[in-house]
């Protein structure tokens, strides 16, 4: 019997593996964070869990800036919050 293969990716915030359909892909392009809704933008992609509502804005912004080495503006952070809720 063949084992089913699911596309698992690791959330960079929670450090756990989830199915790709439960994650949000973000890309870094020219030191700017871009939310990749369709998951098809070129470049290095990072995955975030959709359950980010439990993390406050300041902590989330600091975690993302530390992991991705980019400066995140408030508009991008608010857009990310809209997608996760």
C-alpha atoms as a PDB file:
ATOM      1  CA  UNK A   1       0.000   0.000   0.000  1.00  0.00           C
ATOM      2  CA  UNK A   2       1.366   3.398  -0.988  1.00  0.00           C
ATOM      3  CA  UNK A   3       1.614   6.102   1.608  1.00  0.00           C
ATOM      4  CA  UNK A   4      -0.121   9.352   0.675  1.00  0.00           C
ATOM      5  CA  UNK A   5       2.234  12.253   0.221  1.00  0.00           C
ATOM      6  CA  UNK A   6       1.076  15.582   1.601  1.00  0.00           C
ATOM      7  CA  UNK A   7       2.902  18.820   0.973  1.00  0.00           C
ATOM      8  CA  UNK A   8       4.099  19.809   4.420  1.00  0.00           C
ATOM      9  CA  UNK A   9       5.926  23.061   5.106  1.00  0.00           C
ATOM     10  CA  UNK A  10       7.364  24.450   8.311  1.00  0.00           C
ATOM     11  CA  UNK A  11       5.981  27.622   9.880  1.00  0.00           C
ATOM     12  CA  UNK A  12       8.865  29.944  10.735  1.00  0.00           C
ATOM     13  CA  UNK A  13       7.042  31.367  13.757  1.00  0.00           C
ATOM     14  CA  UNK A  14       5.736  28.196  15.419  1.00  0.00           C
ATOM     15  CA  UNK A  15       8.541  25.950  14.118  1.00  0.00           C
ATOM     16  CA  UNK A  16       6.056  23.143  13.365  1.00  0.00           C
ATOM     17  CA  UNK A  17       5.104  21.401  10.133  1.00  0.00           C
ATOM     18  CA  UNK A  18       1.647  21.944   8.643  1.00  0.00           C
ATOM     19  CA  UNK A  19      -0.030  21.023   5.351  1.00  0.00           C
ATOM     20  CA  UNK A  20       0.697  23.660   2.735  1.00  0.00           C
ATOM     21  CA  UNK A  21      -2.995  24.571   2.474  1.00  0.00           C
ATOM     22  CA  UNK A  22      -3.045  25.767   6.113  1.00  0.00           C
ATOM     23  CA  UNK A  23      -0.136  28.175   5.665  1.00  0.00           C
ATOM     24  CA  UNK A  24       0.406  31.641   4.209  1.00  0.00           C
ATOM     25  CA  UNK A  25       3.422  32.137   1.954  1.00  0.00           C
ATOM     26  CA  UNK A  26       5.445  35.336   2.187  1.00  0.00           C
ATOM     27  CA  UNK A  27       8.365  36.374  -0.025  1.00  0.00           C
ATOM     28  CA  UNK A  28      11.200  38.799   0.444  1.00  0.00           C
ATOM     29  CA  UNK A  29      11.917  40.946  -2.604  1.00  0.00           C
ATOM     30  CA  UNK A  30      14.257  43.975  -2.471  1.00  0.00           C
ATOM     31  CA  UNK A  31      14.216  43.909   1.358  1.00  0.00           C
ATOM     32  CA  UNK A  32      10.432  44.160   1.368  1.00  0.00           C
ATOM     33  CA  UNK A  33       8.006  41.552   2.673  1.00  0.00           C
ATOM     34  CA  UNK A  34       5.345  40.535   0.139  1.00  0.00           C
ATOM     35  CA  UNK A  35       2.365  38.355   1.011  1.00  0.00           C
ATOM     36  CA  UNK A  36       2.025  35.694  -1.681  1.00  0.00           C
ATOM     37  CA  UNK A  37      -1.658  34.741  -1.652  1.00  0.00           C
ATOM     38  CA  UNK A  38      -1.505  32.542  -4.777  1.00  0.00           C
ATOM     39  CA  UNK A  39       1.829  30.975  -3.724  1.00  0.00           C
ATOM     40  CA  UNK A  40       3.468  31.560  -7.096  1.00  0.00           C
ATOM     41  CA  UNK A  41       5.761  34.589  -6.751  1.00  0.00           C
ATOM     42  CA  UNK A  42       9.424  34.010  -7.561  1.00  0.00           C
ATOM     43  CA  UNK A  43      12.075  34.070  -4.895  1.00  0.00           C
ATOM     44  CA  UNK A  44      12.627  32.543  -1.529  1.00  0.00           C
ATOM     45  CA  UNK A  45       9.324  31.808   0.154  1.00  0.00           C
ATOM     46  CA  UNK A  46       8.641  31.482   3.855  1.00  0.00           C
ATOM     47  CA  UNK A  47       5.525  30.028   5.411  1.00  0.00           C
ATOM     48  CA  UNK A  48       3.451  31.336   8.308  1.00  0.00           C
ATOM     49  CA  UNK A  49       0.634  29.610  10.138  1.00  0.00           C
ATOM     50  CA  UNK A  50      -2.842  31.085   9.752  1.00  0.00           C
ATOM     51  CA  UNK A  51      -3.231  30.916  13.544  1.00  0.00           C
ATOM     52  CA  UNK A  52      -1.249  34.089  14.224  1.00  0.00           C
ATOM     53  CA  UNK A  53      -4.137  35.827  15.993  1.00  0.00           C
ATOM     54  CA  UNK A  54      -2.768  34.667  19.363  1.00  0.00           C
ATOM     55  CA  UNK A  55       0.467  36.635  18.861  1.00  0.00           C
ATOM     56  CA  UNK A  56       0.357  40.401  19.400  1.00  0.00           C
ATOM     57  CA  UNK A  57       1.516  42.807  16.674  1.00  0.00           C
ATOM     58  CA  UNK A  58       4.761  43.906  18.308  1.00  0.00           C
ATOM     59  CA  UNK A  59       5.954  40.377  18.999  1.00  0.00           C
ATOM     60  CA  UNK A  60       4.973  39.194  15.501  1.00  0.00           C
ATOM     61  CA  UNK A  61       6.750  42.116  13.845  1.00  0.00           C
ATOM     62  CA  UNK A  62       9.902  41.528  15.882  1.00  0.00           C
ATOM     63  CA  UNK A  63       9.894  37.790  15.124  1.00  0.00           C
ATOM     64  CA  UNK A  64       9.474  38.320  11.387  1.00  0.00           C
ATOM     65  CA  UNK A  65      12.131  41.027  11.218  1.00  0.00           C
ATOM     66  CA  UNK A  66      14.578  38.838  13.101  1.00  0.00           C
ATOM     67  CA  UNK A  67      13.953  35.689  11.026  1.00  0.00           C
ATOM     68  CA  UNK A  68      13.716  37.318   7.580  1.00  0.00           C
ATOM     69  CA  UNK A  69      16.164  40.227   8.063  1.00  0.00           C
ATOM     70  CA  UNK A  70      13.766  42.804   6.602  1.00  0.00           C
ATOM     71  CA  UNK A  71      11.990  45.885   7.880  1.00  0.00           C
ATOM     72  CA  UNK A  72       8.224  45.390   8.013  1.00  0.00           C
ATOM     73  CA  UNK A  73       5.895  48.361   7.758  1.00  0.00           C
ATOM     74  CA  UNK A  74       2.577  48.555   9.573  1.00  0.00           C
ATOM     75  CA  UNK A  75       0.520  48.269   6.357  1.00  0.00           C
ATOM     76  CA  UNK A  76       1.997  44.861   5.545  1.00  0.00           C
ATOM     77  CA  UNK A  77       1.464  43.719   9.114  1.00  0.00           C
ATOM     78  CA  UNK A  78      -2.199  44.806   9.022  1.00  0.00           C
ATOM     79  CA  UNK A  79      -2.709  43.034   5.675  1.00  0.00           C
ATOM     80  CA  UNK A  80      -1.219  39.870   7.182  1.00  0.00           C
ATOM     81  CA  UNK A  81      -3.615  40.177  10.116  1.00  0.00           C
ATOM     82  CA  UNK A  82      -6.607  40.450   7.751  1.00  0.00           C
ATOM     83  CA  UNK A  83      -5.616  37.235   6.003  1.00  0.00           C
ATOM     84  CA  UNK A  84      -5.133  35.290   9.237  1.00  0.00           C
ATOM     85  CA  UNK A  85      -8.510  36.201  10.747  1.00  0.00           C
END
